[in-house]
Protein backbone atom coordinates (compact mmCIF):
# COMPACT_ATOMS: atom_id res chain seq x y z
CA MET A 1 17.40 -263.78 6.03
CA LEU A 2 14.18 -265.58 4.96
CA LEU A 3 13.95 -267.47 1.88
CA PRO A 4 11.53 -265.70 -0.52
CA THR A 5 8.80 -268.29 -0.03
CA ASP A 6 8.97 -267.84 3.85
CA ALA A 7 9.06 -264.12 3.44
CA VAL A 8 6.04 -264.12 1.44
CA ARG A 9 4.19 -266.63 3.68
CA ALA A 10 5.16 -264.28 6.68
CA ALA A 11 3.93 -261.09 4.84
CA TYR A 12 0.46 -262.69 4.30
CA ALA A 13 0.21 -263.95 7.90
CA ALA A 14 1.20 -260.27 9.04
CA LEU A 15 -1.67 -258.91 6.86
CA ALA A 16 -4.17 -261.29 8.29
CA ARG A 17 -3.05 -260.45 11.95
CA TYR A 18 -3.19 -256.83 11.09
CA ASP A 19 -6.88 -257.42 9.99
CA ASP A 20 -7.58 -254.12 8.08
CA PRO A 21 -9.80 -254.49 5.01
CA ALA A 22 -9.01 -250.74 4.09
CA LEU A 23 -5.32 -251.25 3.52
CA PHE A 24 -5.01 -253.11 0.27
CA LEU A 25 -7.28 -252.36 -2.53
CA ALA A 26 -6.08 -255.41 -4.68
CA LEU A 27 -4.27 -258.36 -3.30
CA LYS A 28 -2.36 -260.86 -5.32
CA PRO A 29 -3.49 -264.47 -4.32
CA GLU A 30 -1.04 -265.91 -1.86
CA VAL A 31 -0.61 -268.94 -3.89
CA GLN A 32 0.58 -266.92 -6.79
CA ALA A 33 2.91 -264.97 -4.77
CA ILE A 34 4.49 -268.18 -3.35
CA GLU A 35 4.79 -269.63 -6.85
CA GLU A 36 6.59 -266.43 -7.96
CA ALA A 37 8.85 -266.63 -4.84
CA ALA A 38 9.74 -270.45 -5.53
CA THR A 39 10.73 -269.42 -9.13
CA LEU A 40 13.12 -266.85 -7.50
CA GLU A 41 14.55 -269.28 -5.21
CA ALA A 42 15.21 -271.69 -7.97
CA GLN A 43 17.04 -268.83 -10.21
CA GLY A 44 19.11 -267.72 -7.19
CA SER A 45 19.96 -264.35 -5.92
CA GLN A 46 22.73 -263.44 -8.21
CA GLY A 47 22.22 -260.31 -9.79
CA ARG A 48 19.01 -259.44 -7.91
CA PRO A 49 19.64 -256.81 -4.96
CA LEU A 50 16.32 -256.99 -3.77
CA PHE A 51 16.12 -260.81 -3.69
CA GLY A 52 13.18 -261.99 -1.75
CA MET A 53 11.87 -258.55 -0.72
CA VAL A 54 8.02 -258.39 -0.39
CA VAL A 55 6.70 -255.11 -1.51
CA ALA A 56 3.41 -253.23 -1.83
CA VAL A 57 2.61 -250.70 -4.42
CA LYS A 58 0.38 -247.67 -4.15
CA ASP A 59 -2.85 -247.96 -6.28
CA ASN A 60 -2.03 -245.22 -8.72
CA ILE A 61 0.92 -247.18 -10.04
CA ASP A 62 0.26 -249.88 -12.58
CA VAL A 63 0.85 -253.78 -11.69
CA ALA A 64 -0.02 -255.99 -14.51
CA GLY A 65 -3.02 -258.03 -13.99
CA LEU A 66 -4.25 -256.09 -10.91
CA PRO A 67 -6.78 -253.33 -11.02
CA THR A 68 -5.55 -249.65 -10.90
CA THR A 69 -8.10 -247.64 -9.30
CA ALA A 70 -6.48 -244.44 -7.82
CA ALA A 71 -9.22 -244.84 -5.26
CA CYS A 72 -11.93 -244.17 -7.60
CA PRO A 73 -13.98 -247.15 -8.54
CA ALA A 74 -15.25 -245.38 -11.82
CA PHE A 75 -11.55 -245.06 -12.92
CA SER A 76 -10.86 -248.64 -12.34
CA HIS A 77 -9.00 -250.58 -15.11
CA ILE A 78 -6.57 -253.53 -15.39
CA PRO A 79 -3.34 -252.70 -17.20
CA ASP A 80 -1.51 -255.16 -19.31
CA ARG A 81 1.87 -254.08 -18.35
CA SER A 82 3.40 -252.92 -15.02
CA ALA A 83 4.71 -249.56 -14.58
CA GLU A 84 8.53 -249.20 -15.23
CA ALA A 85 9.36 -248.97 -11.68
CA VAL A 86 7.35 -252.08 -10.83
CA SER A 87 8.98 -254.10 -13.59
CA LYS A 88 12.58 -253.00 -12.16
CA LEU A 89 11.51 -254.11 -8.52
CA GLU A 90 10.50 -257.62 -9.90
CA ALA A 91 13.58 -257.95 -12.04
CA ALA A 92 15.55 -257.15 -8.85
CA GLY A 93 14.15 -260.04 -6.93
CA ALA A 94 11.19 -258.40 -5.36
CA ILE A 95 7.75 -259.90 -4.98
CA VAL A 96 4.79 -257.45 -5.32
CA MET A 97 2.10 -258.36 -2.74
CA GLY A 98 -0.66 -256.03 -3.99
CA LYS A 99 -2.02 -252.50 -4.44
CA THR A 100 -2.54 -250.11 -1.36
CA ASN A 101 -5.22 -247.65 -0.53
CA LEU A 102 -4.57 -243.77 -1.01
CA ASP A 103 -6.24 -240.38 -1.03
CA GLN A 104 -8.31 -240.52 -4.31
CA PHE A 105 -6.22 -239.39 -7.24
CA ALA A 106 -3.35 -238.66 -4.81
CA THR A 107 -5.01 -235.52 -3.73
CA GLY A 108 -4.31 -235.13 -0.02
CA LEU A 109 -2.02 -235.60 2.87
CA VAL A 110 -4.45 -237.05 5.47
CA GLY A 111 -5.09 -240.61 4.03
CA VAL A 112 -8.80 -240.40 4.67
CA ARG A 113 -10.31 -239.41 1.12
CA SER A 114 -10.99 -242.79 -0.22
CA PRO A 115 -14.42 -244.56 -0.96
CA TYR A 116 -12.59 -247.91 0.18
CA GLY A 117 -12.18 -246.67 3.85
CA VAL A 118 -9.39 -245.37 6.03
CA PRO A 119 -6.25 -247.52 6.50
CA ARG A 120 -5.59 -247.73 10.34
CA ASN A 121 -2.55 -245.70 11.56
CA ALA A 122 0.10 -248.35 12.56
CA LEU A 123 0.89 -246.48 15.58
CA ARG A 124 -2.52 -245.52 17.10
CA ALA A 125 -5.78 -246.19 15.63
CA ASP A 126 -7.37 -242.77 16.49
CA LEU A 127 -4.88 -240.98 14.40
CA ILE A 128 -5.04 -240.29 10.68
CA PRO A 129 -2.71 -242.42 8.50
CA GLY A 130 -1.37 -239.44 6.46
CA GLY A 131 -1.67 -239.33 2.79
CA SER A 132 -1.81 -239.66 0.07
CA SER A 133 0.06 -242.80 0.20
CA SER A 134 -1.63 -243.99 3.27
CA GLY A 135 -1.88 -247.71 2.55
CA SER A 136 1.75 -248.02 1.54
CA ALA A 137 3.18 -246.32 4.63
CA VAL A 138 1.03 -248.27 6.82
CA ALA A 139 1.81 -251.60 5.21
CA VAL A 140 5.58 -251.11 5.89
CA ALA A 141 5.05 -249.64 9.38
CA ALA A 142 2.92 -252.58 10.35
CA GLY A 143 5.55 -254.94 9.37
CA ILE A 144 3.60 -256.52 6.57
CA VAL A 145 5.95 -255.66 3.65
CA ASP A 146 9.66 -254.77 3.54
CA ALA A 147 9.03 -251.73 1.55
CA ALA A 148 6.43 -249.94 -0.58
CA LEU A 149 6.15 -247.64 -3.45
CA GLY A 150 4.18 -244.36 -3.04
CA THR A 151 4.21 -241.17 -4.99
CA ASP A 152 4.93 -237.56 -3.82
CA THR A 153 3.53 -234.39 -5.35
CA ALA A 154 3.34 -232.23 -2.09
CA GLY A 155 4.61 -234.41 0.54
CA SER A 156 2.65 -237.68 0.08
CA GLY A 157 5.89 -239.72 0.35
CA ARG A 158 6.82 -238.09 3.50
CA VAL A 159 3.98 -237.07 5.71
CA PRO A 160 2.49 -240.71 6.09
CA ALA A 161 6.12 -241.82 6.88
CA GLY A 162 6.18 -239.28 9.81
CA LEU A 163 2.86 -240.03 11.02
CA ASN A 164 3.66 -243.94 11.10
CA GLY A 165 7.28 -243.84 12.16
CA ILE A 166 9.11 -244.85 9.21
CA VAL A 167 11.43 -243.60 6.37
CA GLY A 168 9.96 -241.96 3.48
CA LEU A 169 12.51 -241.16 0.52
CA LYS A 170 11.11 -238.61 -2.00
CA PRO A 171 13.57 -238.89 -4.94
CA SER A 172 14.55 -235.99 -7.31
CA LEU A 173 12.14 -235.33 -10.00
CA GLY A 174 13.10 -237.52 -13.08
CA LEU A 175 15.30 -240.08 -11.01
CA ILE A 176 12.73 -242.64 -11.35
CA SER A 177 10.63 -243.34 -14.47
CA SER A 178 6.89 -242.34 -14.13
CA ILE A 179 5.73 -244.50 -16.86
CA GLY A 180 2.72 -246.45 -15.72
CA MET A 181 2.02 -243.91 -12.79
CA VAL A 182 -1.42 -242.04 -12.73
CA PRO A 183 -0.22 -238.46 -12.42
CA ALA A 184 -1.42 -235.99 -9.97
CA CYS A 185 0.89 -232.91 -11.40
CA ARG A 186 3.18 -234.32 -13.95
CA THR A 187 5.60 -231.54 -13.54
CA LEU A 188 6.09 -232.20 -9.90
CA ASP A 189 5.27 -236.16 -9.31
CA THR A 190 7.73 -238.58 -8.41
CA ILE A 191 7.43 -242.16 -7.25
CA SER A 192 8.59 -242.48 -3.71
CA VAL A 193 9.84 -245.11 -1.48
CA PHE A 194 8.78 -246.31 1.95
CA ALA A 195 10.83 -248.65 4.58
CA ARG A 196 11.56 -249.18 8.03
CA ASP A 197 15.40 -248.13 7.66
CA VAL A 198 17.19 -245.80 5.48
CA GLU A 199 19.44 -248.47 3.74
CA THR A 200 16.43 -250.51 2.52
CA ALA A 201 14.84 -247.13 1.07
CA ARG A 202 18.24 -246.20 -0.57
CA LYS A 203 18.77 -249.62 -1.98
CA VAL A 204 15.24 -249.77 -3.56
CA THR A 205 15.63 -246.22 -4.85
CA GLU A 206 19.01 -247.14 -6.40
CA THR A 207 17.23 -250.04 -8.14
CA LEU A 208 14.55 -248.01 -9.57
CA ALA A 209 16.70 -244.94 -10.56
CA GLY A 210 17.58 -244.62 -14.39
CA PHE A 211 16.92 -242.39 -17.30
CA ASP A 212 13.89 -243.54 -19.37
CA PRO A 213 13.45 -241.80 -22.79
CA ARG A 214 9.79 -242.63 -22.72
CA ASP A 215 9.22 -240.29 -19.81
CA GLY A 216 9.27 -236.57 -20.85
CA PHE A 217 10.36 -235.70 -17.18
CA SER A 218 13.05 -238.35 -16.76
CA ARG A 219 16.52 -236.84 -16.10
CA HIS A 220 20.14 -238.15 -16.14
CA LEU A 221 20.69 -238.15 -12.48
CA PRO A 222 23.04 -240.05 -10.18
CA ALA A 223 21.53 -243.16 -8.45
CA PRO A 224 21.81 -242.83 -4.60
CA MET A 225 25.05 -244.52 -3.48
CA PRO A 226 25.98 -245.48 0.36
CA CYS A 227 27.23 -242.43 2.02
CA GLY A 228 28.59 -241.47 5.37
CA PHE A 229 27.87 -238.47 7.68
CA PRO A 230 30.27 -235.71 6.88
CA PRO A 231 32.19 -234.07 9.67
CA THR A 232 31.02 -230.55 8.85
CA LEU A 233 27.36 -229.79 7.90
CA ARG A 234 25.64 -226.54 7.61
CA VAL A 235 21.82 -227.18 8.24
CA GLY A 236 19.32 -224.44 7.45
CA VAL A 237 16.28 -224.48 9.97
CA PRO A 238 13.46 -222.30 10.35
CA MET A 239 13.82 -219.23 12.77
CA ASP A 240 12.27 -219.81 16.09
CA ALA A 241 9.48 -217.28 15.47
CA GLN A 242 8.41 -218.87 12.08
CA ARG A 243 8.07 -222.50 13.23
CA GLN A 244 4.76 -223.90 12.59
CA PHE A 245 3.22 -226.73 14.70
CA PHE A 246 -0.49 -225.42 14.83
CA GLY A 247 -0.72 -225.90 18.64
CA ASP A 248 0.94 -229.21 18.93
CA VAL A 249 3.44 -228.33 21.73
CA LEU A 250 4.77 -231.82 21.81
CA SER A 251 5.86 -231.79 18.24
CA GLU A 252 7.56 -228.57 18.68
CA VAL A 253 9.58 -229.68 21.66
CA ALA A 254 10.53 -232.87 19.89
CA TYR A 255 11.70 -231.03 16.66
CA SER A 256 14.08 -228.86 18.92
CA ARG A 257 15.57 -232.00 20.56
CA ASP A 258 15.94 -233.47 17.02
CA LEU A 259 17.87 -230.51 16.04
CA GLU A 260 20.16 -230.99 19.12
CA THR A 261 20.74 -234.58 17.74
CA LEU A 262 21.99 -233.08 14.58
CA ALA A 263 24.04 -230.55 16.35
CA ASP A 264 25.63 -233.40 18.43
CA ARG A 265 26.54 -235.10 15.12
CA GLY A 266 28.78 -231.92 14.37
CA ALA A 267 26.19 -229.96 12.29
CA THR A 268 25.79 -226.16 12.31
CA LEU A 269 22.49 -224.98 12.71
CA VAL A 270 21.70 -221.97 10.52
CA PRO A 271 18.43 -220.16 11.13
CA ILE A 272 17.06 -218.93 8.07
CA ASP A 273 14.01 -216.91 6.97
CA PHE A 274 11.32 -219.50 5.93
CA GLU A 275 8.61 -217.24 4.79
CA PRO A 276 9.86 -217.44 1.14
CA PHE A 277 9.48 -221.30 1.31
CA HIS A 278 6.06 -220.95 2.88
CA ALA A 279 4.95 -218.59 0.05
CA VAL A 280 6.15 -221.09 -2.67
CA ALA A 281 4.01 -223.75 -0.77
CA ARG A 282 1.06 -221.82 -1.09
CA LEU A 283 1.45 -221.70 -4.73
CA LEU A 284 0.67 -225.22 -5.09
CA TYR A 285 -2.94 -225.25 -4.30
CA ASP A 286 -3.62 -221.60 -4.53
CA GLY A 287 -2.27 -221.39 -7.98
CA PRO A 288 -2.74 -223.09 -11.21
CA TRP A 289 -0.92 -226.27 -10.57
CA VAL A 290 -4.24 -227.79 -9.69
CA ALA A 291 -5.11 -227.73 -13.21
CA GLU A 292 -2.71 -230.60 -13.67
CA ARG A 293 -4.92 -232.78 -11.51
CA TYR A 294 -7.86 -231.61 -13.51
CA ALA A 295 -6.08 -232.67 -16.73
CA THR A 296 -5.95 -236.33 -15.38
CA VAL A 297 -9.41 -236.60 -14.43
CA LYS A 298 -11.08 -234.45 -16.97
CA PRO A 299 -13.39 -236.85 -18.71
CA LEU A 300 -14.54 -238.15 -15.26
CA ILE A 301 -15.10 -234.75 -13.52
CA GLU A 302 -17.08 -233.35 -16.37
CA ASN A 303 -19.09 -236.46 -17.34
CA ASP A 304 -19.58 -238.07 -13.91
CA PRO A 305 -18.51 -235.65 -11.15
CA ASP A 306 -20.34 -237.80 -8.54
CA ALA A 307 -17.74 -240.47 -8.94
CA LEU A 308 -15.16 -238.43 -7.13
CA HIS A 309 -14.88 -238.03 -3.38
CA PRO A 310 -16.48 -234.71 -2.39
CA VAL A 311 -13.37 -233.11 -0.98
CA THR A 312 -11.36 -234.32 -3.91
CA ARG A 313 -13.90 -232.99 -6.48
CA SER A 314 -13.93 -229.54 -4.78
CA ILE A 315 -10.23 -229.35 -4.69
CA ILE A 316 -9.68 -230.42 -8.41
CA GLY A 317 -12.82 -228.47 -9.43
CA GLY A 318 -11.05 -225.32 -8.32
CA ALA A 319 -8.93 -225.55 -11.38
CA ARG A 320 -11.81 -223.92 -13.35
CA HIS A 321 -10.83 -220.72 -11.73
CA HIS A 322 -7.58 -220.47 -13.39
CA ASP A 323 -6.63 -219.54 -16.94
CA ALA A 324 -3.46 -219.53 -19.07
CA VAL A 325 -2.88 -215.93 -17.79
CA SER A 326 -2.90 -216.96 -14.20
CA ALA A 327 -0.80 -219.92 -15.11
CA PHE A 328 2.05 -217.76 -16.58
CA GLU A 329 1.83 -215.32 -13.61
CA ALA A 330 2.53 -218.16 -11.29
CA PHE A 331 5.32 -219.43 -13.24
CA TYR A 332 6.84 -215.85 -13.22
CA LYS A 333 6.12 -215.73 -9.27
CA LEU A 334 7.87 -219.12 -8.92
CA ALA A 335 10.87 -218.15 -10.90
CA ASP A 336 11.20 -215.02 -8.60
CA TYR A 337 11.10 -217.08 -5.64
CA ARG A 338 13.71 -219.50 -6.79
CA ALA A 339 16.02 -216.60 -7.71
CA ALA A 340 15.33 -215.12 -4.13
CA LEU A 341 15.94 -218.39 -2.35
CA ALA A 342 19.22 -219.32 -4.42
CA PRO A 343 21.54 -217.41 -1.84
CA ILE A 344 19.83 -218.69 1.31
CA LEU A 345 20.17 -222.36 -0.12
CA SER A 346 23.71 -221.84 -1.19
CA ALA A 347 24.85 -220.68 2.34
CA VAL A 348 23.66 -224.16 3.72
CA ASP A 349 24.17 -227.58 2.72
CA VAL A 350 20.83 -229.05 3.59
CA LEU A 351 17.40 -227.85 5.14
CA ALA A 352 16.18 -229.71 8.21
CA VAL A 353 12.43 -229.52 8.88
CA PRO A 354 9.83 -231.32 10.85
CA THR A 355 8.07 -233.96 8.82
CA VAL A 356 4.74 -233.74 10.76
CA THR A 357 3.53 -230.46 12.10
CA ARG A 358 0.94 -231.95 14.11
CA PHE A 359 -0.58 -235.43 14.81
CA TYR A 360 -4.23 -234.89 13.87
CA THR A 361 -6.92 -237.63 15.06
CA LEU A 362 -9.63 -238.71 12.80
CA ALA A 363 -12.15 -236.96 14.73
CA GLU A 364 -10.32 -233.59 14.47
CA LEU A 365 -9.94 -233.92 10.70
CA GLU A 366 -13.85 -234.26 10.34
CA ASP A 367 -14.11 -230.59 11.53
CA GLU A 368 -11.52 -229.15 9.21
CA PRO A 369 -10.72 -231.52 6.40
CA VAL A 370 -9.03 -228.91 4.05
CA ARG A 371 -7.33 -226.53 6.55
CA TYR A 372 -5.73 -229.33 8.44
CA ASN A 373 -4.56 -230.96 5.34
CA SER A 374 -2.95 -227.77 4.44
CA ASN A 375 -1.30 -227.48 7.84
CA LEU A 376 0.41 -230.87 7.26
CA GLY A 377 2.04 -229.56 4.06
CA ALA A 378 3.70 -226.42 5.62
CA TYR A 379 7.01 -228.02 5.38
CA THR A 380 6.55 -230.35 2.29
CA ASN A 381 4.57 -228.47 -0.50
CA PHE A 382 7.56 -226.26 -1.57
CA VAL A 383 9.90 -229.13 -2.10
CA ASN A 384 8.59 -230.25 -5.30
CA LEU A 385 7.95 -226.80 -6.76
CA LEU A 386 11.68 -225.94 -5.93
CA ASP A 387 13.17 -229.32 -7.62
CA MET A 388 14.64 -230.61 -4.39
CA ALA A 389 15.06 -233.97 -3.13
CA ALA A 390 13.96 -234.96 0.57
CA ILE A 391 13.99 -237.98 3.08
CA SER A 392 12.05 -238.19 6.28
CA VAL A 393 13.62 -240.38 9.10
CA PRO A 394 12.59 -240.86 12.55
CA VAL A 395 15.24 -239.28 15.02
CA GLY A 396 13.50 -239.22 18.36
CA LYS A 397 10.39 -239.64 20.52
CA ARG A 398 7.81 -237.22 21.75
CA SER A 399 6.97 -237.37 25.26
CA ASP A 400 3.93 -239.24 24.42
CA GLY A 401 5.80 -241.97 22.72
CA LEU A 402 4.82 -240.92 19.15
CA PRO A 403 7.81 -240.58 16.56
CA SER A 404 9.49 -237.43 15.83
CA SER A 405 10.80 -237.28 12.25
CA LEU A 406 13.11 -234.86 10.53
CA THR A 407 12.97 -234.14 6.82
CA LEU A 408 16.35 -233.48 5.19
CA ILE A 409 16.06 -231.51 1.84
CA GLY A 410 18.80 -230.96 -0.70
CA PRO A 411 19.04 -230.12 -4.24
CA ALA A 412 18.09 -232.36 -7.27
CA GLY A 413 20.73 -235.12 -7.49
CA SER A 414 21.53 -235.31 -3.70
CA ASP A 415 19.53 -238.31 -2.97
CA GLY A 416 22.34 -240.43 -1.93
CA TYR A 417 23.89 -237.49 0.24
CA LEU A 418 20.64 -237.10 2.07
CA ALA A 419 20.42 -240.77 2.50
CA GLY A 420 23.67 -240.93 4.21
CA LEU A 421 22.81 -238.01 6.47
CA ALA A 422 19.67 -239.74 7.41
CA SER A 423 21.27 -243.04 8.03
CA GLY A 424 23.71 -241.20 10.47
CA LEU A 425 20.53 -239.95 12.45
CA GLU A 426 18.90 -243.30 12.58
CA LYS A 427 18.95 -244.67 16.05
CA GLY A 428 21.68 -247.35 16.63
CA ARG A 429 23.03 -246.84 13.27
CA SER A 430 26.77 -246.26 12.74
CA ALA A 431 27.86 -243.59 10.20
CA GLY A 432 31.43 -245.00 10.08
CA PRO A 433 33.78 -244.82 7.23
CA VAL A 434 32.54 -246.36 3.96
CA ARG A 435 34.03 -247.26 0.51
CA GLY A 436 32.55 -246.27 -2.82
CA CYS A 437 30.41 -248.62 -4.95
CA PRO A 438 32.01 -250.57 -7.62
CA GLY A 439 32.01 -248.38 -10.80
CA HIS A 440 32.16 -245.10 -8.97
CA ILE A 441 35.14 -242.96 -8.60
CA GLU A 442 36.60 -241.76 -5.15
CA LEU A 443 37.93 -238.31 -5.00
CA ALA A 444 39.94 -236.81 -2.23
CA VAL A 445 39.28 -233.19 -1.50
CA VAL A 446 41.56 -230.98 0.68
CA GLY A 447 40.20 -227.44 0.28
CA ALA A 448 37.26 -225.53 -0.57
CA HIS A 449 35.25 -228.78 -1.43
CA LEU A 450 35.51 -230.05 1.89
CA SER A 451 32.14 -230.60 3.63
CA GLY A 452 30.67 -227.11 5.03
CA LEU A 453 33.01 -225.14 2.89
CA PRO A 454 32.07 -222.81 -0.13
CA LEU A 455 32.56 -225.34 -2.94
CA ASN A 456 31.02 -228.47 -1.45
CA GLY A 457 27.73 -227.78 -3.02
CA ASP A 458 29.20 -228.38 -6.40
CA LEU A 459 30.18 -231.83 -5.24
CA VAL A 460 26.80 -232.56 -3.87
CA ALA A 461 24.92 -231.09 -6.98
CA ALA A 462 27.07 -233.48 -9.04
CA GLY A 463 25.81 -236.52 -7.08
CA GLY A 464 28.69 -236.86 -4.91
CA VAL A 465 28.53 -238.50 -1.63
CA TYR A 466 30.91 -238.43 1.50
CA LEU A 467 32.81 -241.58 2.36
CA ARG A 468 35.38 -241.01 4.82
CA ASN A 469 37.84 -238.84 6.66
CA VAL A 470 41.59 -239.73 6.08
CA GLN A 471 45.08 -238.12 5.73
CA THR A 472 47.45 -238.09 2.94
CA LEU A 473 50.93 -239.92 3.48
CA PRO A 474 53.67 -237.45 4.44
CA ASP A 475 54.45 -237.04 0.74
CA TYR A 476 52.97 -233.44 0.14
CA ARG A 477 53.44 -229.73 0.75
CA PHE A 478 50.62 -227.48 1.19
CA PHE A 479 50.15 -223.93 0.14
CA ALA A 480 47.54 -221.19 0.58
CA LEU A 481 47.16 -219.94 -3.23
CA ASN A 482 47.18 -216.42 -4.01
CA GLY A 483 44.17 -214.47 -5.62
CA THR A 484 41.71 -217.31 -5.62
CA VAL A 485 38.04 -216.80 -4.94
CA PRO A 486 36.84 -218.47 -2.70
CA PRO A 487 40.30 -218.97 -1.06
CA LYS A 488 41.81 -222.46 -2.24
CA PRO A 489 44.89 -224.33 -1.15
CA GLY A 490 47.17 -226.28 -3.47
CA LEU A 491 48.81 -229.74 -2.67
CA LEU A 492 51.91 -230.41 -4.12
CA ARG A 493 53.75 -233.90 -4.41
CA VAL A 494 57.24 -234.04 -3.09
CA ALA A 495 59.64 -236.96 -2.34
CA PRO A 496 58.16 -239.69 -0.13
CA GLY A 497 58.55 -238.61 3.56
CA GLU A 498 59.82 -235.33 2.76
CA GLY A 499 56.45 -233.66 3.27
CA GLN A 500 53.51 -233.48 5.62
CA ALA A 501 50.22 -235.68 6.23
CA ILE A 502 47.44 -233.39 5.11
CA ALA A 503 43.88 -233.99 6.07
CA ALA A 504 41.37 -234.91 3.35
CA GLU A 505 37.84 -236.07 2.85
CA VAL A 506 37.07 -238.89 0.29
CA TRP A 507 33.93 -238.57 -1.74
CA ALA A 508 32.65 -240.57 -4.69
CA LEU A 509 30.91 -239.66 -7.92
CA PRO A 510 29.48 -241.45 -10.70
CA PRO A 511 32.02 -241.72 -13.93
CA ASP A 512 30.15 -239.21 -15.92
CA ALA A 513 29.58 -236.70 -13.17
CA PHE A 514 33.30 -237.16 -12.39
CA GLY A 515 34.25 -236.29 -15.83
CA ARG A 516 32.15 -233.11 -15.82
CA PHE A 517 33.45 -232.02 -12.46
CA VAL A 518 37.06 -232.65 -13.57
CA ALA A 519 36.49 -230.56 -16.74
CA ALA A 520 35.40 -227.66 -14.80
CA ILE A 521 38.46 -227.46 -12.56
CA PRO A 522 40.49 -224.17 -13.21
CA ALA A 523 44.10 -224.01 -13.54
CA PRO A 524 46.35 -224.22 -11.64
CA LEU A 525 44.53 -227.15 -9.96
CA GLY A 526 44.13 -230.43 -11.49
CA ILE A 527 43.55 -234.17 -10.74
CA GLY A 528 46.20 -236.64 -9.79
CA THR A 529 46.34 -239.77 -7.63
CA LEU A 530 46.73 -239.19 -3.89
CA ASN A 531 48.34 -241.83 -1.59
CA LEU A 532 46.33 -241.97 1.68
CA ASP A 533 47.03 -243.31 5.11
CA ASP A 534 44.21 -245.88 4.93
CA GLY A 535 46.22 -247.80 2.37
CA THR A 536 44.19 -246.54 -0.65
CA ALA A 537 45.27 -244.34 -3.57
CA THR A 538 42.44 -242.26 -4.92
CA LYS A 539 42.00 -239.38 -7.35
CA GLY A 540 42.53 -236.05 -5.62
CA PHE A 541 43.40 -232.39 -6.16
CA LEU A 542 46.78 -231.37 -7.03
CA VAL A 543 48.44 -228.01 -7.77
CA GLU A 544 51.06 -227.23 -10.57
CA ALA A 545 54.45 -226.40 -9.11
CA GLU A 546 54.80 -223.03 -10.82
CA ALA A 547 51.66 -221.85 -8.95
CA VAL A 548 53.22 -222.17 -5.48
CA LYS A 549 56.57 -220.32 -5.96
CA ASN A 550 55.21 -217.23 -4.18
CA ALA A 551 52.43 -218.97 -2.21
CA GLU A 552 52.54 -219.43 1.60
CA ASP A 553 53.60 -222.73 2.72
CA ILE A 554 50.91 -223.94 5.33
CA SER A 555 52.00 -227.57 5.48
CA HIS A 556 52.54 -227.35 9.28
CA PHE A 557 48.81 -226.77 9.78
CA GLY A 558 47.94 -230.27 8.62
CA GLY A 559 45.05 -229.17 6.70
CA TRP A 560 42.83 -226.44 5.28
CA ARG A 561 40.26 -226.33 8.15
CA ALA A 562 43.06 -225.82 10.62
CA TYR A 563 44.60 -223.13 8.59
CA LEU A 564 41.42 -221.28 8.10
CA GLY A 565 40.62 -221.51 11.98
CA THR A 566 44.03 -219.83 12.63
CA ALA A 567 43.60 -217.27 9.99
CA ARG A 568 40.24 -216.10 11.50
CA THR A 569 41.66 -215.57 14.81
CA ILE A 570 44.60 -213.30 13.62
């Protein structure tokens, strides 16, 4: 690991080699960055989880002393204070190198709508870089910085990650404070994180997470913890006939192979009707949410409209066609879609969609700047409207050598769980047993809360992450309880050695989420301490002795999955 001063020098040297004047809109002087790194070295790494990490920040997020332009010169101003997320980065030992280019006012998925030029795609110069967080993604993919902050309203933290072959983590709305971020749509925006590997993205997100009472959209959500890849996973995927790649056969073939990789890891692929998701996606730009963008730039677009990029001005100007009535009609429609999608989402653990529908070239985009932008959002626009978390991760390669990335999508609060799945898909990464983070509570589950079973979603929604597979010591009897919906087992402690070893999964929860989870457990189940064969003793489900008097003893099956498998064949 490089010392912070050496890391800074290496970052500036890499930037010089990359030689792209459209990449950074404001750069901290190298001597200043080295001085900051030297101060860090003197203070030491203790209590600084991002010690010596060099980062870039999208130029719609404030960094004290550097201009914030949102890629609009007329909007430029120099903030006195950094955004809350930037302050947390620096407190954790990261060094901010500078501010990166973007689609003006974060309006676009293409990365070309900036008066400051187009950042060069890190993989191939004729391809678009993706947006709106174009510069942040390229700076990471080019090896200049270790991580970068972007923003995500409709896919801006995912599409450029896919187009540059890196990881893009789109957190749950409200997980990271938006104080000091220029909004696009305040009800949908979140600061996002780019990195070259999942663990770095997760660690940065964990550092930035936390409730901020100054932010009206901040929420008490669990920070993403390290997580393993669960043994059973139900993955919702678009039905074959509904998959959209807009003529890019190589992306279509690569997506199918990526799904095969998921299946090889033990996932069950569940084809689902994706038209309701696409209908939600269309609401974002066809509906009144564009008025939120208008609110941000109202003084500028009304007094100096020529200051805006022509395409940006055209899109945001469309807000004038919407009124309060159409806004409420759209809200009602979104609520109806959410209700219709609830049973579909409850039948799977996550969604897995292609991050990039098609790799567009710069030349192609000149012909259709708006339509091709919309095509890139086919699998991203709905995520924020449905209040979901997501992460894009490279999984395989197309036949032309370009990366193929999956985006894994789950409910709000599932950030750590999704990162664990993404880590398991990363090439060369092991998804072996892990232990819970200090301060979090391990919970052993043996029944309906096992991965892939009906109540597992309750664990994930509470911020739970999968850690490892275990067995109990042979100190328990196992029963199929009568009259429970969904069917549940009961684990009863007996004398040491007089029972059966029972298969279990260990998950972890933050303390407050654990308390809420336990409070909701219905009798006759409760929580006790289970002795496991890996030498640990964790909290886990136990049953009252009275409840098993007339219940079937299924201990000889050795676990709930084995019992269910046999029951289905009878």
